[in-house]
Amino acid sequence: MSRDLPFGRARWLRKKECWLPHLQCVLDSRTVRDAARIVNVHRTTSFRWRHRFVPGAMRDRPNTLSIIVEADETYRLESQKGSRSLTRPARKRGGVATRRGIDGEHDCLLVARDRSGRALDFHTGRGPVPVAQLHECLKPVLPGDTLLISDGATAYECFAAQTGITHEAVNVKAGERARGAIHIQNVNSWHSRFKNWLVRFRGVASRYLINYSGWQRVLDDRRLTTPAQLLCAAAQSG
């Protein structure tokens, strides 16, 4: 019987009548505590369900991007929220890095978005994204006839040269915003929406960052718009 349930786990039989109401809370971007109150489950159950359903649903993602693809990274200060064994001194909420600039204290979230609105997100680790990570993340999803647009980071130039992909760079640091259709405004708009949406959760642990970016991508794509669709997507990926 459990084989017919999401992820094939018999323990998911518990409170199955609450799954769809909980997934409506996911679609409404509710916090763990709000969802627990609305669905009438313990907050640890609400947290556990979030991090089982959302990773499953976020695997509903495009296999490739096409034609004109914008790529850029956004960075967040590394967080060990919820960890019982910190590897550094604790920070106050809203803390700052010990050094200026982007370094190993910052999680890197790489987002690629084409002009049709399809997006892919990748947590590439800490610090600026290296060429090897661009190969791992972008090469499988960019057809050979893609026009890749990025900022002036040399990693993209090297990646494009090594893969034979046509590449254009926008010198954002010099104040350049666009050269006609050559811009990264769509992907930067995605970054902005993600950051504004994330504020409600009052800090996200680094180990869950990709879950939250995937959650935002699912909402942004508007492909899964009902609790039932979200449940089916999570079940099919399990």
Foldseek 3Di string as FASTA:
>chain_A
DLLPAFPSDPVCVPPVVLQQLLLVCLLVLHELVVSCVVSVHDSVVSVVSLVQLLVLLLVPADQAADAEKEKDKDKDFADPPPDPDDPDDDDDQVGDDPDDDFFQRIWIKMKMAYPVGGIDIDGQHGGDHALVVCCVPHVRHYDQAYEYEYAPDVSVVVNCVVSVHHYDHAPVVVPGADDVPRHNVSVVVLVVVLVVSCVVHRDDHPVCPVSSSSSSSCSSVPPQNGSVSSRVSSRVSD
